[in-house]
N, C-alpha and C. Protein backbone atom coordinates (compact mmCIF):
# COMPACT_ATOMS: atom_id res chain seq x y z
N MET A 1 0.88 -1.14 -0.06
CA MET A 1 0.03 0.04 0.03
C MET A 1 0.91 1.23 -0.02
N VAL A 2 0.62 2.09 -0.79
CA VAL A 2 1.43 3.34 -1.06
C VAL A 2 0.65 4.44 -0.20
N LYS A 3 1.55 5.11 0.68
CA LYS A 3 1.19 6.19 1.35
C LYS A 3 1.98 7.43 1.18
N LEU A 4 1.24 8.64 1.10
CA LEU A 4 2.00 9.85 0.67
C LEU A 4 1.50 10.93 1.62
N ARG A 5 2.32 11.61 2.37
CA ARG A 5 1.94 12.76 3.06
C ARG A 5 2.58 13.98 2.32
N LEU A 6 1.65 14.95 2.24
CA LEU A 6 2.13 16.20 1.64
C LEU A 6 3.20 16.86 2.56
N ARG A 7 4.24 17.25 2.05
CA ARG A 7 5.42 17.91 2.81
C ARG A 7 5.00 19.35 2.89
N GLU A 8 5.66 19.98 3.88
CA GLU A 8 5.29 21.36 4.09
C GLU A 8 5.90 22.13 2.81
N ASN A 9 5.08 23.10 2.33
CA ASN A 9 5.34 23.96 1.27
C ASN A 9 5.61 23.17 -0.09
N GLU A 10 5.01 21.99 -0.18
CA GLU A 10 5.11 21.18 -1.46
C GLU A 10 3.90 21.41 -2.30
N SER A 11 4.26 21.70 -3.50
CA SER A 11 3.22 22.01 -4.50
C SER A 11 2.46 20.52 -4.88
N ILE A 12 1.20 20.58 -5.36
CA ILE A 12 0.53 19.51 -5.70
C ILE A 12 1.12 18.71 -6.74
N GLY A 13 1.76 19.50 -7.84
CA GLY A 13 2.45 18.88 -8.85
C GLY A 13 3.60 18.02 -8.41
N ASP A 14 4.35 18.57 -7.45
CA ASP A 14 5.47 17.84 -6.91
C ASP A 14 5.01 16.52 -6.07
N ALA A 15 3.95 16.63 -5.47
CA ALA A 15 3.44 15.57 -4.64
C ALA A 15 2.91 14.47 -5.71
N VAL A 16 2.31 14.86 -6.86
CA VAL A 16 1.74 13.85 -7.69
C VAL A 16 2.89 13.11 -8.48
N LYS A 17 4.14 13.87 -8.71
CA LYS A 17 5.28 13.22 -9.27
C LYS A 17 5.76 12.21 -8.30
N ARG A 18 5.88 12.55 -7.02
CA ARG A 18 6.31 11.72 -5.98
C ARG A 18 5.42 10.49 -5.83
N PHE A 19 4.12 10.77 -5.88
CA PHE A 19 3.12 9.56 -5.84
C PHE A 19 3.37 8.70 -6.94
N ARG A 20 3.47 9.10 -8.21
CA ARG A 20 3.68 8.28 -9.43
C ARG A 20 4.89 7.38 -9.09
N LYS A 21 6.03 7.91 -8.79
CA LYS A 21 7.14 7.20 -8.55
C LYS A 21 7.02 6.12 -7.46
N LEU A 22 6.26 6.35 -6.40
CA LEU A 22 6.19 5.45 -5.39
C LEU A 22 5.10 4.30 -5.93
N VAL A 23 4.20 4.58 -6.70
CA VAL A 23 3.33 3.57 -7.46
C VAL A 23 4.15 2.78 -8.32
N GLU A 24 4.99 3.32 -9.11
CA GLU A 24 5.82 2.66 -10.14
C GLU A 24 6.86 1.66 -9.31
N HIS A 25 7.45 2.10 -8.30
CA HIS A 25 8.33 1.40 -7.47
C HIS A 25 7.64 0.26 -6.82
N ALA A 26 6.42 0.49 -6.38
CA ALA A 26 5.67 -0.75 -5.71
C ALA A 26 5.18 -1.68 -6.61
N GLY A 27 5.17 -1.48 -7.94
CA GLY A 27 4.84 -2.56 -8.95
C GLY A 27 3.25 -2.43 -9.04
N ILE A 28 2.48 -1.42 -8.62
CA ILE A 28 1.14 -1.40 -8.78
C ILE A 28 0.74 -1.21 -10.21
N LYS A 29 1.38 -0.46 -10.94
CA LYS A 29 1.06 -0.25 -12.40
C LYS A 29 1.08 -1.57 -13.05
N LYS A 30 2.20 -2.21 -12.92
CA LYS A 30 2.43 -3.54 -13.62
C LYS A 30 1.48 -4.55 -13.29
N GLU A 31 0.97 -4.60 -12.01
CA GLU A 31 -0.07 -5.50 -11.45
C GLU A 31 -1.33 -5.21 -12.11
N MET A 32 -1.62 -3.93 -12.27
CA MET A 32 -2.91 -3.55 -12.81
C MET A 32 -2.97 -3.92 -14.20
N ARG A 33 -1.99 -3.74 -14.98
CA ARG A 33 -1.94 -4.15 -16.38
C ARG A 33 -2.09 -5.70 -16.43
N ARG A 34 -1.40 -6.38 -15.63
CA ARG A 34 -1.56 -7.83 -15.71
C ARG A 34 -2.88 -8.33 -15.38
N ARG A 35 -3.58 -7.59 -14.56
CA ARG A 35 -4.92 -8.18 -14.10
C ARG A 35 -6.11 -7.46 -14.88
N GLU A 36 -5.69 -6.60 -15.98
CA GLU A 36 -6.76 -5.90 -16.74
C GLU A 36 -7.66 -6.93 -17.47
N TYR A 37 -7.07 -8.00 -17.84
CA TYR A 37 -7.98 -8.94 -18.72
C TYR A 37 -7.59 -10.33 -17.97
N TYR A 38 -8.62 -11.24 -18.16
CA TYR A 38 -8.44 -12.61 -17.65
C TYR A 38 -7.41 -13.29 -18.55
N GLU A 39 -6.48 -14.00 -17.97
CA GLU A 39 -5.67 -14.83 -18.59
C GLU A 39 -5.77 -16.26 -18.12
N LYS A 40 -6.00 -17.14 -19.21
CA LYS A 40 -6.17 -18.59 -18.71
C LYS A 40 -4.89 -19.10 -18.05
N PRO A 41 -5.03 -20.00 -17.07
CA PRO A 41 -3.86 -20.64 -16.41
C PRO A 41 -2.85 -21.21 -17.42
N SER A 42 -3.33 -21.81 -18.57
CA SER A 42 -2.37 -22.34 -19.52
C SER A 42 -1.49 -21.18 -20.09
N GLU A 43 -2.21 -20.07 -20.29
CA GLU A 43 -1.44 -18.93 -20.92
C GLU A 43 -0.43 -18.39 -19.80
N THR A 44 -0.67 -18.39 -18.65
CA THR A 44 0.11 -18.05 -17.56
C THR A 44 1.40 -18.88 -17.43
N ALA A 45 1.12 -20.22 -17.47
CA ALA A 45 2.18 -21.20 -17.50
C ALA A 45 2.98 -21.14 -18.70
N ARG A 46 2.52 -20.96 -19.85
CA ARG A 46 3.27 -20.73 -21.13
C ARG A 46 4.09 -19.60 -21.06
N ARG A 47 3.59 -18.48 -20.56
CA ARG A 47 4.41 -17.18 -20.48
C ARG A 47 5.63 -17.48 -19.52
N SER A 48 5.33 -18.13 -18.46
CA SER A 48 6.37 -18.44 -17.41
C SER A 48 7.46 -19.35 -17.90
N ARG A 49 6.99 -20.40 -18.61
CA ARG A 49 7.84 -21.33 -19.32
C ARG A 49 8.81 -20.67 -20.30
N ARG A 50 8.17 -19.74 -21.10
CA ARG A 50 9.02 -19.13 -22.16
C ARG A 50 9.98 -18.13 -21.52
N ARG A 51 9.65 -17.50 -20.35
CA ARG A 51 10.53 -16.59 -19.62
C ARG A 51 11.75 -17.42 -19.13
N ALA A 52 11.44 -18.57 -18.53
CA ALA A 52 12.47 -19.41 -18.01
C ALA A 52 13.40 -19.92 -19.13
N GLU A 53 12.86 -20.31 -20.25
CA GLU A 53 13.68 -20.78 -21.42
C GLU A 53 14.45 -19.69 -21.89
N ARG A 54 14.06 -18.37 -21.92
CA ARG A 54 14.81 -17.22 -22.46
C ARG A 54 15.99 -16.93 -21.42
N ARG A 55 15.74 -17.07 -20.14
CA ARG A 55 16.70 -16.96 -19.08
C ARG A 55 17.82 -17.83 -19.24
N ALA A 56 17.45 -19.12 -19.46
CA ALA A 56 18.29 -20.34 -19.57
C ALA A 56 19.27 -20.00 -20.88
N ARG A 57 18.65 -19.67 -21.91
CA ARG A 57 19.34 -19.40 -23.15
C ARG A 57 20.44 -18.36 -22.97
N ILE A 58 20.07 -17.28 -22.27
CA ILE A 58 21.05 -16.19 -21.99
C ILE A 58 22.03 -16.62 -21.13
N GLN A 59 21.80 -17.51 -20.09
CA GLN A 59 22.84 -18.02 -19.19
C GLN A 59 23.80 -18.80 -19.91
N ARG A 60 23.31 -19.67 -20.94
CA ARG A 60 24.27 -20.61 -21.74
C ARG A 60 25.05 -19.75 -22.57
N MET A 61 24.53 -18.60 -23.10
CA MET A 61 25.40 -17.74 -23.87
C MET A 61 26.50 -17.09 -23.12
N VAL A 62 26.07 -16.64 -21.91
CA VAL A 62 27.10 -15.94 -21.07
C VAL A 62 28.16 -16.95 -20.65
N ALA A 63 27.70 -18.16 -20.19
CA ALA A 63 28.73 -19.05 -19.81
C ALA A 63 29.59 -19.68 -20.88
N GLY A 64 28.99 -19.67 -22.08
CA GLY A 64 29.81 -20.09 -23.21
C GLY A 64 30.94 -19.16 -23.68
N SER A 65 30.80 -17.83 -23.35
CA SER A 65 31.61 -16.82 -23.73
C SER A 65 33.05 -16.87 -23.08
């Protein structure tokens, strides 16, 4: 949960910028985009598997150099 307290003599614009940074850092935007549409469990597993394969391929390339 993101909490923001307005600092003394802080403009609304600066507070909004700080809030956006906090939301981005907390991963809330990414989570919202991920939950925007329903994703079948098979699609979730497929995406996870592909990400793992890509990581393994990169590791093999780095280790082979």
